[in-house]
N, C-alpha and C. Protein backbone atom coordinates (compact mmCIF):
# COMPACT_ATOMS: atom_id res chain seq x y z
N UNK A 1 -3.96 -7.42 24.90
CA UNK A 1 -3.80 -6.14 24.39
C UNK A 1 -5.00 -5.33 23.73
N UNK A 2 -5.45 -4.03 23.88
CA UNK A 2 -6.43 -3.49 23.41
C UNK A 2 -5.93 -2.79 22.04
N UNK A 3 -6.83 -2.41 21.45
CA UNK A 3 -6.40 -2.06 20.02
C UNK A 3 -6.04 -0.10 20.39
N UNK A 4 -6.57 0.58 21.22
CA UNK A 4 -6.35 1.59 21.68
C UNK A 4 -5.13 1.77 21.90
N UNK A 5 -4.64 0.88 23.18
CA UNK A 5 -3.39 1.17 23.70
C UNK A 5 -2.05 0.72 22.49
N UNK A 6 -2.52 -0.28 21.69
CA UNK A 6 -1.55 -0.83 20.76
C UNK A 6 -1.14 0.53 19.70
N UNK A 7 -2.33 1.23 19.40
CA UNK A 7 -2.31 2.19 18.46
C UNK A 7 -1.39 3.19 19.17
N UNK A 8 -1.52 3.32 20.48
CA UNK A 8 -0.63 4.53 21.22
C UNK A 8 0.82 3.89 21.13
N UNK A 9 1.16 2.48 21.34
CA UNK A 9 2.71 1.91 21.24
C UNK A 9 2.95 2.20 19.89
N UNK A 10 2.40 1.92 18.99
CA UNK A 10 2.89 2.29 17.56
C UNK A 10 3.16 3.87 17.32
N UNK A 11 2.53 4.62 17.63
CA UNK A 11 2.29 6.02 17.47
C UNK A 11 3.66 6.68 18.16
N UNK A 12 4.06 6.02 19.44
CA UNK A 12 5.05 6.17 20.10
C UNK A 12 6.39 5.70 19.84
N UNK A 13 6.49 4.96 19.00
CA UNK A 13 7.54 4.08 18.41
C UNK A 13 8.12 2.88 19.37
N UNK A 14 7.03 2.50 20.45
CA UNK A 14 7.63 1.35 21.25
C UNK A 14 7.20 0.24 20.14
N UNK A 15 6.41 0.22 19.30
CA UNK A 15 6.54 -1.39 18.24
C UNK A 15 6.50 -0.53 17.01
N UNK A 16 6.88 -1.48 15.95
CA UNK A 16 7.12 -0.83 14.87
C UNK A 16 5.91 -1.05 13.75
N UNK A 17 5.47 -2.25 14.03
CA UNK A 17 3.94 -2.62 13.21
C UNK A 17 3.07 -3.21 14.37
N UNK A 18 1.79 -3.19 13.71
CA UNK A 18 0.71 -3.67 14.63
C UNK A 18 -0.04 -4.20 13.39
N UNK A 19 -0.48 -5.71 13.22
CA UNK A 19 -1.33 -6.56 12.54
C UNK A 19 -2.50 -6.90 13.58
N UNK A 20 -3.91 -6.32 12.35
CA UNK A 20 -5.15 -6.42 13.08
C UNK A 20 -5.85 -7.53 12.23
N UNK A 21 -5.98 -8.63 12.94
CA UNK A 21 -6.49 -9.98 12.11
C UNK A 21 -7.93 -9.53 11.81
N UNK A 22 -8.70 -10.21 11.14
CA UNK A 22 -9.89 -9.67 10.61
C UNK A 22 -11.24 -10.10 11.89
N UNK A 23 -10.48 -11.08 12.79
CA UNK A 23 -11.21 -11.19 14.17
C UNK A 23 -10.94 -10.24 15.28
N UNK A 24 -10.31 -9.33 14.86
CA UNK A 24 -9.52 -8.18 15.95
C UNK A 24 -8.54 -8.81 16.77
N UNK A 25 -8.25 -9.73 16.66
CA UNK A 25 -6.99 -10.41 17.20
C UNK A 25 -5.56 -9.69 16.75
N UNK A 26 -4.88 -9.20 17.53
CA UNK A 26 -3.64 -8.23 17.47
C UNK A 26 -2.47 -8.87 17.60
N UNK A 27 -1.41 -8.58 16.85
CA UNK A 27 -0.21 -8.78 16.99
C UNK A 27 0.76 -8.02 16.76
N UNK A 28 2.26 -7.63 17.87
CA UNK A 28 2.87 -6.23 17.44
C UNK A 28 4.07 -6.93 16.77
N UNK A 29 4.43 -6.44 15.80
CA UNK A 29 5.80 -6.67 15.42
C UNK A 29 6.32 -8.16 14.75
N UNK A 30 4.94 -8.40 14.34
CA UNK A 30 4.69 -9.82 13.51
C UNK A 30 3.68 -9.66 12.30
N UNK A 31 4.67 -8.99 11.30
CA UNK A 31 3.46 -8.91 10.18
C UNK A 31 3.60 -10.11 9.42
N UNK A 32 2.31 -10.20 8.99
CA UNK A 32 1.79 -11.77 7.83
C UNK A 32 3.00 -11.72 6.66
N UNK A 33 3.20 -13.02 6.33
CA UNK A 33 3.71 -13.32 5.05
C UNK A 33 2.46 -13.18 3.87
N UNK A 34 3.30 -13.22 2.74
CA UNK A 34 2.39 -12.92 1.72
C UNK A 34 2.78 -11.95 0.93
N UNK A 35 1.34 -11.15 0.23
CA UNK A 35 1.58 -9.96 -0.49
C UNK A 35 0.91 -8.81 0.50
N UNK A 36 1.43 -7.40 0.23
CA UNK A 36 1.22 -6.26 0.87
C UNK A 36 0.81 -5.30 -0.20
N UNK A 37 -0.50 -4.59 0.40
CA UNK A 37 -1.20 -3.79 -0.55
C UNK A 37 -1.56 -2.57 0.33
N UNK A 38 -0.48 -1.41 0.11
CA UNK A 38 -0.44 -0.14 0.96
C UNK A 38 -1.51 1.00 0.29
N UNK A 39 -2.11 1.45 1.33
CA UNK A 39 -2.85 2.57 1.02
C UNK A 39 -3.50 3.52 2.11
N UNK A 40 -3.96 4.51 1.69
CA UNK A 40 -4.43 5.36 2.82
C UNK A 40 -6.01 4.84 3.17
N UNK A 41 -6.60 4.07 2.56
CA UNK A 41 -8.13 3.51 2.64
C UNK A 41 -8.79 4.51 3.22
N UNK A 42 -9.28 5.60 2.63
CA UNK A 42 -9.92 6.65 3.13
C UNK A 42 -10.93 7.19 1.90
N UNK A 43 -11.73 5.98 1.62
CA UNK A 43 -12.32 5.01 2.26
C UNK A 43 -11.65 3.81 1.54
N UNK A 44 -11.74 2.44 2.35
CA UNK A 44 -11.39 1.26 1.83
C UNK A 44 -12.47 1.18 0.50
N UNK A 45 -12.23 0.83 -0.76
CA UNK A 45 -13.19 0.65 -1.58
C UNK A 45 -13.08 -0.57 -2.75
N UNK A 46 -13.87 -0.66 -3.41
CA UNK A 46 -13.95 -2.05 -4.34
C UNK A 46 -12.75 -2.19 -5.30
N UNK A 47 -12.05 -1.01 -5.17
CA UNK A 47 -10.56 -1.07 -6.13
C UNK A 47 -9.66 -1.82 -5.43
N UNK A 48 -9.48 -1.26 -4.17
CA UNK A 48 -8.45 -1.88 -3.39
C UNK A 48 -8.69 -3.38 -3.45
N UNK A 49 -10.03 -3.74 -2.89
CA UNK A 49 -10.13 -5.22 -3.07
C UNK A 49 -9.90 -5.97 -4.14
N UNK A 50 -10.40 -5.28 -5.21
CA UNK A 50 -10.20 -6.25 -6.45
C UNK A 50 -8.85 -6.52 -6.76
N UNK A 51 -8.17 -5.07 -6.60
CA UNK A 51 -6.48 -5.29 -6.68
C UNK A 51 -6.04 -6.31 -5.91
N UNK A 52 -6.46 -6.29 -4.60
CA UNK A 52 -5.51 -7.77 -3.81
C UNK A 52 -6.14 -9.01 -4.48
N UNK A 53 -7.46 -9.21 -4.77
CA UNK A 53 -8.00 -10.09 -5.27
C UNK A 53 -7.43 -10.79 -6.63
N UNK A 54 -6.96 -9.82 -7.41
CA UNK A 54 -6.12 -10.06 -8.56
C UNK A 54 -4.65 -10.48 -8.26
N UNK A 55 -4.14 -9.69 -7.40
CA UNK A 55 -2.68 -9.95 -6.90
C UNK A 55 -2.92 -11.68 -6.37
N UNK A 56 -3.81 -11.78 -5.43
CA UNK A 56 -3.62 -13.29 -5.17
C UNK A 56 -3.77 -14.37 -5.84
N UNK A 57 -4.81 -13.97 -6.84
CA UNK A 57 -5.37 -14.82 -7.92
C UNK A 57 -3.85 -15.44 -8.98
N UNK A 58 -3.18 -14.13 -9.09
CA UNK A 58 -1.89 -14.10 -10.07
C UNK A 58 -0.77 -14.89 -9.04
N UNK A 59 -0.62 -14.72 -8.17
CA UNK A 59 0.35 -15.24 -7.24
C UNK A 59 0.15 -16.87 -6.51
N UNK A 60 -1.13 -16.70 -5.93
CA UNK A 60 -1.43 -17.87 -5.04
C UNK A 60 -1.13 -17.54 -3.69
N UNK A 61 -0.96 -16.26 -3.45
CA UNK A 61 -0.46 -15.79 -1.83
C UNK A 61 -1.43 -15.23 -1.30
N UNK A 62 -1.63 -14.96 -0.08
CA UNK A 62 -2.62 -14.21 0.64
C UNK A 62 -2.14 -12.76 0.69
N UNK A 63 -2.87 -11.93 0.71
CA UNK A 63 -2.77 -10.22 0.93
C UNK A 63 -3.14 -9.66 1.99
N UNK A 64 -2.39 -8.93 2.46
CA UNK A 64 -2.67 -8.04 3.82
C UNK A 64 -2.51 -6.50 3.22
N UNK A 65 -3.71 -5.68 3.76
CA UNK A 65 -3.54 -4.22 3.67
C UNK A 65 -2.32 -3.70 4.71
N UNK A 66 -1.98 -2.59 4.34
CA UNK A 66 -1.09 -1.87 5.36
C UNK A 66 -1.74 -0.20 5.35
N UNK A 67 -1.72 0.24 6.28
CA UNK A 67 -1.85 1.60 6.37
C UNK A 67 -0.64 2.19 7.21
N UNK A 68 0.27 3.10 6.75
CA UNK A 68 0.87 4.03 7.18
C UNK A 68 0.38 5.10 7.88
N UNK A 69 0.47 5.52 9.25
CA UNK A 69 -0.05 6.14 10.13
C UNK A 69 0.47 7.46 10.18
N UNK A 70 1.48 7.43 9.44
CA UNK A 70 2.42 8.64 9.11
C UNK A 70 2.59 8.79 7.83
N UNK A 71 2.21 10.12 7.42
CA UNK A 71 2.21 10.56 5.66
C UNK A 71 3.40 11.43 5.57
N UNK A 72 4.09 11.08 4.28
CA UNK A 72 5.17 12.06 4.29
C UNK A 72 4.90 13.43 3.97
N UNK A 73 3.62 13.76 3.43
CA UNK A 73 3.12 15.15 3.65
C UNK A 73 2.36 15.71 4.25
N UNK A 74 1.29 14.98 4.68
CA UNK A 74 0.16 15.33 5.61
C UNK A 74 0.52 14.92 7.49
N UNK A 75 1.50 14.64 7.46
CA UNK A 75 1.86 14.45 9.09
C UNK A 75 1.22 12.74 9.39
N UNK A 76 0.94 13.03 11.03
CA UNK A 76 0.40 11.72 11.87
C UNK A 76 -1.06 11.94 11.77
N UNK A 77 -1.43 10.93 11.39
CA UNK A 77 -3.14 10.41 11.79
C UNK A 77 -3.33 10.48 13.27
N UNK A 78 -4.35 11.08 13.32
CA UNK A 78 -4.93 11.06 14.89
C UNK A 78 -5.24 9.55 14.86
N UNK A 79 -5.33 9.33 16.78
CA UNK A 79 -5.85 7.86 17.01
C UNK A 79 -7.18 7.51 16.60
N UNK A 80 -7.81 8.40 16.91
CA UNK A 80 -9.41 8.21 16.16
C UNK A 80 -9.62 7.83 14.72
N UNK A 81 -9.08 8.78 14.22
CA UNK A 81 -8.98 8.34 12.66
C UNK A 81 -8.08 6.97 12.16
N UNK A 82 -7.41 6.56 12.59
CA UNK A 82 -6.59 5.56 12.54
C UNK A 82 -7.73 4.31 12.82
N UNK A 83 -8.30 4.27 14.21
CA UNK A 83 -9.44 3.47 14.31
C UNK A 83 -10.31 3.34 13.59
N UNK A 84 -10.66 4.43 12.89
CA UNK A 84 -11.86 4.44 12.12
C UNK A 84 -11.75 3.92 10.74
N UNK A 85 -10.13 4.36 10.23
CA UNK A 85 -10.12 3.34 8.95
C UNK A 85 -9.98 2.19 9.20
N UNK A 86 -9.19 1.51 10.22
CA UNK A 86 -9.02 0.27 10.62
C UNK A 86 -10.15 -0.59 10.82
N UNK A 87 -11.49 0.11 11.34
CA UNK A 87 -12.56 -0.61 11.39
C UNK A 87 -13.35 -1.02 10.25
N UNK A 88 -12.65 -0.41 8.93
CA UNK A 88 -13.40 -0.74 7.74
C UNK A 88 -12.94 -2.17 7.42
N UNK A 89 -11.87 -2.97 7.89
CA UNK A 89 -11.19 -4.10 7.52
C UNK A 89 -11.91 -5.39 8.50
N UNK A 90 -12.50 -4.62 9.46
CA UNK A 90 -12.98 -5.91 10.51
C UNK A 90 -13.96 -6.88 10.04
N UNK A 91 -13.68 -7.83 10.25
CA UNK A 91 -14.60 -9.29 9.69
C UNK A 91 -14.31 -9.29 8.14
N UNK A 92 -13.12 -8.76 7.62
CA UNK A 92 -13.24 -8.94 6.15
C UNK A 92 -11.73 -8.90 5.63
N UNK A 93 -10.53 -8.22 6.13
CA UNK A 93 -9.51 -8.56 5.70
C UNK A 93 -8.22 -8.08 7.15
N UNK A 94 -7.02 -8.69 6.57
CA UNK A 94 -5.93 -8.49 7.54
C UNK A 94 -5.43 -7.13 7.47
N UNK A 95 -5.10 -6.46 8.52
CA UNK A 95 -4.58 -4.78 8.49
C UNK A 95 -3.48 -4.99 9.21
N UNK A 96 -2.17 -4.29 8.44
CA UNK A 96 -1.35 -3.97 9.26
C UNK A 96 -0.89 -2.47 9.43
N UNK A 97 -0.62 -1.97 10.38
CA UNK A 97 -0.33 -0.57 10.83
C UNK A 97 1.15 -0.47 11.06
N UNK A 98 1.72 0.60 10.09
CA UNK A 98 2.97 0.91 10.54
C UNK A 98 3.39 2.46 10.45
N UNK A 99 4.74 2.95 10.92
CA UNK A 99 4.94 4.28 10.73
C UNK A 99 5.73 4.57 9.83
N UNK A 100 5.97 3.85 8.65
CA UNK A 100 6.72 3.67 7.32
C UNK A 100 5.82 4.29 6.13
N UNK A 101 5.77 5.47 5.65
CA UNK A 101 5.33 6.14 4.90
C UNK A 101 6.06 5.59 3.53
N UNK A 102 7.35 5.58 3.27
CA UNK A 102 8.04 5.08 2.11
C UNK A 102 8.06 3.74 2.15
N UNK A 103 8.49 3.46 0.72
CA UNK A 103 8.51 2.10 0.24
C UNK A 103 9.69 1.42 0.84
N UNK A 104 11.04 2.23 0.75
CA UNK A 104 12.31 1.71 1.06
C UNK A 104 12.26 1.44 2.67
N UNK A 105 11.14 2.09 3.40
CA UNK A 105 11.19 1.95 4.78
C UNK A 105 10.22 0.72 4.75
N UNK A 106 9.22 0.58 4.32
CA UNK A 106 8.60 -0.71 4.40
C UNK A 106 9.15 -1.83 3.90
N UNK A 107 10.14 -1.94 3.06
CA UNK A 107 11.06 -3.07 2.73
C UNK A 107 11.97 -3.49 3.80
N UNK A 108 12.29 -2.73 4.71
CA UNK A 108 13.17 -2.99 5.87
C UNK A 108 12.06 -3.56 6.67
N UNK A 109 10.81 -3.12 6.86
CA UNK A 109 9.95 -3.87 7.77
C UNK A 109 9.40 -5.33 7.26
N UNK A 110 9.13 -5.25 5.91
CA UNK A 110 8.61 -6.51 5.67
C UNK A 110 9.57 -7.18 4.34
N UNK A 111 10.68 -7.71 4.83
CA UNK A 111 11.45 -8.19 3.78
C UNK A 111 11.07 -9.44 3.21
N UNK A 112 11.32 -9.58 1.70
CA UNK A 112 11.00 -10.74 1.13
C UNK A 112 9.62 -10.80 0.48
N UNK A 113 8.90 -9.65 0.84
CA UNK A 113 7.50 -9.28 0.31
C UNK A 113 7.36 -8.92 -0.68
N UNK A 114 6.20 -8.93 -1.49
CA UNK A 114 6.04 -8.22 -2.72
C UNK A 114 4.65 -7.15 -2.46
N UNK A 115 5.15 -6.04 -2.99
CA UNK A 115 3.89 -4.79 -2.85
C UNK A 115 2.94 -4.85 -3.92
N UNK A 116 1.47 -4.71 -3.76
CA UNK A 116 0.66 -4.49 -4.63
C UNK A 116 0.53 -3.05 -4.85
N UNK A 117 0.72 -2.48 -5.70
CA UNK A 117 0.59 -0.88 -5.96
C UNK A 117 -0.20 -0.80 -7.65
N UNK A 118 -0.66 0.29 -7.67
CA UNK A 118 -1.45 1.18 -9.01
C UNK A 118 -0.27 1.83 -9.75
N UNK A 119 -1.04 1.79 -10.96
CA UNK A 119 0.17 2.39 -12.20
C UNK A 119 0.61 3.87 -11.50
N UNK A 120 -0.22 4.52 -10.85
CA UNK A 120 0.18 6.11 -10.39
C UNK A 120 1.48 6.15 -9.17
N UNK A 121 1.21 4.79 -8.39
CA UNK A 121 2.38 4.55 -7.38
C UNK A 121 3.43 4.02 -8.11
N UNK A 122 3.55 3.21 -8.91
CA UNK A 122 4.52 2.69 -9.82
C UNK A 122 5.26 3.99 -10.54
N UNK A 123 4.47 4.76 -10.80
CA UNK A 123 5.27 6.12 -11.62
C UNK A 123 5.86 6.93 -10.50
N UNK A 124 5.31 7.22 -9.66
CA UNK A 124 6.06 7.71 -8.48
C UNK A 124 7.63 7.48 -8.16
N UNK A 125 7.16 5.91 -7.96
CA UNK A 125 8.60 5.06 -7.54
C UNK A 125 9.91 5.18 -8.42
N UNK A 126 9.66 5.34 -9.80
CA UNK A 126 10.42 5.61 -10.82
C UNK A 126 10.84 7.18 -11.30
N UNK A 127 10.28 8.05 -10.27
CA UNK A 127 10.31 9.33 -10.61
C UNK A 127 11.50 10.18 -9.69
N UNK A 128 12.51 10.26 -10.44
CA UNK A 128 14.01 11.27 -9.33
C UNK A 128 13.35 12.19 -8.45
N UNK A 129 11.94 12.89 -9.06
CA UNK A 129 11.63 14.17 -8.28
C UNK A 129 11.40 14.08 -6.75
N UNK A 130 10.68 12.63 -6.55
CA UNK A 130 10.36 12.24 -5.34
C UNK A 130 11.48 11.90 -4.30
N UNK A 131 12.49 11.67 -4.82
CA UNK A 131 13.77 11.47 -4.19
C UNK A 131 14.81 12.53 -3.85
N UNK A 132 14.45 13.38 -4.98
CA UNK A 132 15.52 14.50 -4.86
C UNK A 132 16.47 14.46 -5.68
N UNK A 133 16.83 13.28 -6.30
CA UNK A 133 17.92 13.07 -7.20
C UNK A 133 17.87 12.07 -7.83
N UNK A 134 18.28 11.75 -9.00
CA UNK A 134 18.37 10.37 -9.56
C UNK A 134 19.33 9.17 -8.74
N UNK A 135 20.34 9.71 -8.30
CA UNK A 135 21.02 8.64 -7.56
C UNK A 135 20.13 8.43 -6.29
N UNK A 136 19.28 9.31 -5.81
CA UNK A 136 18.68 8.58 -4.41
C UNK A 136 17.63 7.77 -5.31
N UNK A 137 17.37 7.72 -6.02
CA UNK A 137 15.81 7.12 -6.78
C UNK A 137 16.52 5.57 -6.68
N UNK A 138 17.81 5.29 -7.20
CA UNK A 138 18.43 3.99 -7.69
C UNK A 138 19.05 3.60 -6.32
N UNK A 139 19.30 4.40 -5.33
CA UNK A 139 19.68 4.04 -4.08
C UNK A 139 18.58 3.27 -3.44
N UNK A 140 17.43 4.13 -3.46
CA UNK A 140 16.12 3.40 -2.88
C UNK A 140 15.74 2.19 -3.41
N UNK A 141 15.96 2.14 -4.60
CA UNK A 141 15.33 1.00 -5.30
C UNK A 141 16.15 -0.19 -5.20
N UNK A 142 17.60 0.02 -4.98
CA UNK A 142 18.50 -0.98 -4.83
C UNK A 142 18.29 -1.52 -3.51
N UNK A 143 18.05 -0.68 -2.41
CA UNK A 143 17.81 -1.07 -0.89
C UNK A 143 16.65 -2.04 -0.85
N UNK A 144 15.35 -1.80 -1.75
CA UNK A 144 14.30 -2.51 -1.58
C UNK A 144 14.72 -3.99 -2.41
N UNK A 145 15.43 -3.82 -3.57
CA UNK A 145 15.77 -5.16 -3.97
C UNK A 145 16.53 -6.00 -2.73
N UNK A 146 17.58 -5.14 -2.43
CA UNK A 146 18.52 -5.69 -1.47
C UNK A 146 17.63 -6.77 -0.45
N UNK A 147 16.44 -6.15 -0.13
CA UNK A 147 15.47 -6.67 1.22
C UNK A 147 14.76 -7.83 0.47
N UNK A 148 14.89 -7.87 -0.54
CA UNK A 148 14.14 -9.20 -1.66
C UNK A 148 12.81 -8.85 -1.95
N UNK A 149 12.20 -7.39 -1.87
CA UNK A 149 11.09 -6.94 -2.40
C UNK A 149 10.77 -6.62 -3.77
N UNK A 150 9.62 -6.53 -3.91
CA UNK A 150 9.41 -6.31 -5.34
C UNK A 150 8.09 -5.86 -5.61
N UNK A 151 7.30 -5.46 -6.97
CA UNK A 151 6.29 -4.62 -6.73
C UNK A 151 5.52 -5.59 -7.75
N UNK A 152 4.05 -5.80 -7.47
CA UNK A 152 3.07 -5.86 -8.58
C UNK A 152 2.35 -4.78 -8.94
N UNK A 153 2.14 -4.50 -10.08
CA UNK A 153 1.50 -3.13 -10.72
C UNK A 153 0.05 -3.37 -11.35
N UNK A 154 -0.98 -2.90 -11.05
CA UNK A 154 -2.07 -2.88 -11.41
C UNK A 154 -2.42 -1.67 -12.45
N UNK A 155 -2.61 -1.73 -13.37
CA UNK A 155 -3.01 -0.57 -14.40
C UNK A 155 -4.15 0.39 -13.97
N UNK A 156 -4.22 1.57 -14.17
CA UNK A 156 -5.25 2.50 -13.77
C UNK A 156 -5.48 3.61 -14.76
N UNK A 157 -6.98 4.22 -14.40
CA UNK A 157 -7.43 5.07 -15.39
C UNK A 157 -6.73 6.47 -14.83
N UNK A 158 -5.80 6.96 -15.85
CA UNK A 158 -5.18 8.48 -15.54
C UNK A 158 -5.02 8.92 -16.82
N UNK A 159 -5.36 10.49 -17.03
CA UNK A 159 -5.39 11.35 -17.88
C UNK A 159 -6.18 10.92 -19.05
N UNK A 160 -7.28 10.21 -18.75
CA UNK A 160 -8.23 9.64 -19.71
C UNK A 160 -8.10 8.57 -20.29
N UNK A 161 -6.93 7.71 -20.10
CA UNK A 161 -6.59 6.52 -20.44
C UNK A 161 -6.43 5.26 -19.57
N UNK A 162 -6.43 4.30 -19.81
CA UNK A 162 -6.23 3.36 -19.00
C UNK A 162 -4.79 2.77 -19.05
N UNK A 163 -3.94 3.29 -18.33
CA UNK A 163 -2.38 3.10 -18.25
C UNK A 163 -1.82 1.62 -17.36
N UNK A 164 -1.05 1.26 -17.84
CA UNK A 164 -0.51 -0.19 -17.32
C UNK A 164 1.11 -0.09 -17.32
N UNK A 165 1.60 -0.89 -16.57
CA UNK A 165 3.28 -1.03 -16.44
C UNK A 165 3.68 -0.52 -17.90
N UNK A 166 3.07 -1.22 -18.85
CA UNK A 166 3.73 -1.01 -20.39
C UNK A 166 4.01 0.43 -20.76
N UNK A 167 3.37 1.04 -20.02
CA UNK A 167 3.35 2.99 -20.37
C UNK A 167 4.50 3.35 -19.22
N UNK A 168 5.20 2.96 -18.46
CA UNK A 168 6.15 3.54 -18.12
C UNK A 168 7.43 3.08 -18.51
N UNK A 169 8.39 4.25 -18.37
CA UNK A 169 9.65 3.85 -18.87
C UNK A 169 10.53 3.44 -17.62
N UNK A 170 10.58 2.17 -17.51
CA UNK A 170 11.24 1.77 -16.36
C UNK A 170 12.69 1.84 -16.53
N UNK A 171 13.41 2.41 -15.44
CA UNK A 171 14.91 2.36 -15.74
C UNK A 171 15.41 0.86 -15.93
N UNK A 172 16.44 0.53 -16.58
CA UNK A 172 16.82 -0.67 -17.18
C UNK A 172 17.28 -1.54 -15.97
N UNK A 173 18.15 -0.95 -15.07
CA UNK A 173 18.25 -1.72 -13.94
C UNK A 173 17.67 -2.12 -12.88
N UNK A 174 16.43 -1.50 -13.09
CA UNK A 174 15.58 -1.93 -11.93
C UNK A 174 14.49 -2.28 -12.58
N UNK A 175 13.99 -2.70 -13.80
CA UNK A 175 12.72 -3.01 -14.48
C UNK A 175 12.33 -4.57 -13.94
N UNK A 176 13.21 -5.16 -13.54
CA UNK A 176 12.84 -6.69 -12.91
C UNK A 176 11.91 -6.47 -11.76
N UNK A 177 12.16 -5.22 -11.17
CA UNK A 177 11.39 -5.34 -10.01
C UNK A 177 10.02 -5.13 -9.98
N UNK A 178 9.61 -4.75 -11.14
CA UNK A 178 8.07 -4.40 -11.27
C UNK A 178 7.46 -5.63 -12.50
N UNK A 179 6.14 -6.12 -11.75
CA UNK A 179 5.86 -7.18 -12.40
C UNK A 179 4.15 -6.72 -12.56
N UNK A 180 3.45 -6.93 -14.17
CA UNK A 180 2.27 -6.44 -14.47
C UNK A 180 1.18 -7.40 -13.90
N UNK A 181 0.07 -6.86 -13.28
CA UNK A 181 -1.26 -7.42 -13.33
C UNK A 181 -2.05 -7.43 -14.40
N UNK A 182 -2.36 -8.38 -15.06
CA UNK A 182 -2.87 -8.09 -16.33
C UNK A 182 -4.50 -7.25 -16.21
N UNK A 183 -4.76 -6.98 -17.07
CA UNK A 183 -5.97 -5.96 -17.24
C UNK A 183 -7.23 -6.75 -17.16
N UNK A 184 -6.81 -7.91 -17.72
CA UNK A 184 -7.78 -8.91 -17.66
C UNK A 184 -8.32 -9.78 -16.39
N UNK A 185 -7.42 -9.35 -15.20
CA UNK A 185 -7.38 -9.96 -13.96
C UNK A 185 -8.07 -8.80 -13.13
N UNK A 186 -7.59 -7.47 -13.49
CA UNK A 186 -8.20 -6.45 -12.71
C UNK A 186 -8.31 -5.08 -13.43
N UNK A 187 -9.46 -4.39 -13.38
CA UNK A 187 -9.64 -2.83 -13.97
C UNK A 187 -10.79 -2.56 -13.00
N UNK A 188 -10.50 -1.31 -12.49
CA UNK A 188 -11.64 -0.87 -11.65
C UNK A 188 -11.14 0.98 -11.69
N UNK A 189 -12.04 1.49 -12.31
CA UNK A 189 -11.60 2.90 -12.92
C UNK A 189 -12.76 3.94 -11.41
N UNK A 190 -12.14 3.63 -10.64
CA UNK A 190 -12.60 4.45 -9.44
C UNK A 190 -11.09 4.70 -8.43
N UNK A 191 -11.63 5.95 -7.65
CA UNK A 191 -10.63 6.46 -6.88
C UNK A 191 -11.31 6.76 -5.48
N UNK A 192 -10.31 7.04 -4.45
CA UNK A 192 -10.62 7.48 -3.44
C UNK A 192 -11.33 9.02 -3.21
N UNK A 193 -10.30 9.80 -4.03
CA UNK A 193 -10.84 11.00 -4.30
C UNK A 193 -12.26 11.24 -4.88
N UNK A 194 -12.76 10.43 -5.63
CA UNK A 194 -13.96 10.59 -6.25
C UNK A 194 -14.75 10.23 -5.19
N UNK A 195 -14.58 9.03 -4.26
CA UNK A 195 -15.62 8.42 -3.52
C UNK A 195 -15.80 9.59 -2.53
N UNK A 196 -15.03 10.03 -1.82
CA UNK A 196 -15.28 11.30 -0.77
C UNK A 196 -16.07 12.41 -1.51
N UNK A 197 -15.44 12.84 -2.67
CA UNK A 197 -16.37 14.08 -3.03
C UNK A 197 -17.79 13.47 -3.44
N UNK A 198 -18.34 12.44 -3.64
CA UNK A 198 -19.39 11.76 -3.86
C UNK A 198 -20.45 11.67 -2.72
N UNK A 199 -19.62 11.15 -1.24
CA UNK A 199 -20.01 11.37 0.07
C UNK A 199 -20.26 12.56 0.52
N UNK A 200 -19.50 13.44 0.05
CA UNK A 200 -19.96 15.33 0.57
C UNK A 200 -20.99 15.70 -0.10
N UNK A 201 -21.11 15.06 -1.33
CA UNK A 201 -22.48 15.65 -2.10
C UNK A 201 -23.51 14.87 -1.92
N UNK A 202 -23.40 14.06 -1.01
CA UNK A 202 -24.61 13.27 -0.78
C UNK A 202 -24.93 12.06 -1.68
N UNK A 203 -24.08 11.60 -2.46
CA UNK A 203 -24.23 10.49 -3.04
C UNK A 203 -24.59 10.70 -4.88
N UNK A 204 -24.84 12.06 -5.04
CA UNK A 204 -25.31 12.48 -6.55
C UNK A 204 -23.95 12.17 -7.27
């Protein structure tokens, strides 16, 4: 199986997931066990890797990174862009590609897994406006629970302050789905947006 052909299979819906091992080995519809850290990885940076390392230390489980090639707002990534982002993981980490931008969709693909997320993602997960209604939010979180999935939440610098899971008003009926990653294990005040801006300005 060649990577380009496998990515085409994913984009066309012939396969649901494509796992790329650090050595380049490809597996269709056979995602790894352990934790999953989803992101756009544009670029992959030390914040992603530090969060993965902290989650692995906390749980004793391996971490795979996951890139959804379909974005709920921005559409489908081009094959060349998928390959470019995937190349960042070569020789370093396991990467899973999917067409599942929403966590309720990811839970169906990866039952029993724990997802590693940042504070900002956790805040969106419990915000009804991202679902259309509070009832839809609760239904999605219950579907994630039914799949045996949950979330490990790392703190993040937001609005000038380092914010953690303790800063979120979790709905009582789903609070148990969220587990904090202690700041002592991970803190990286860095963002992909800042890195892209720095790259455009020549690193200044």
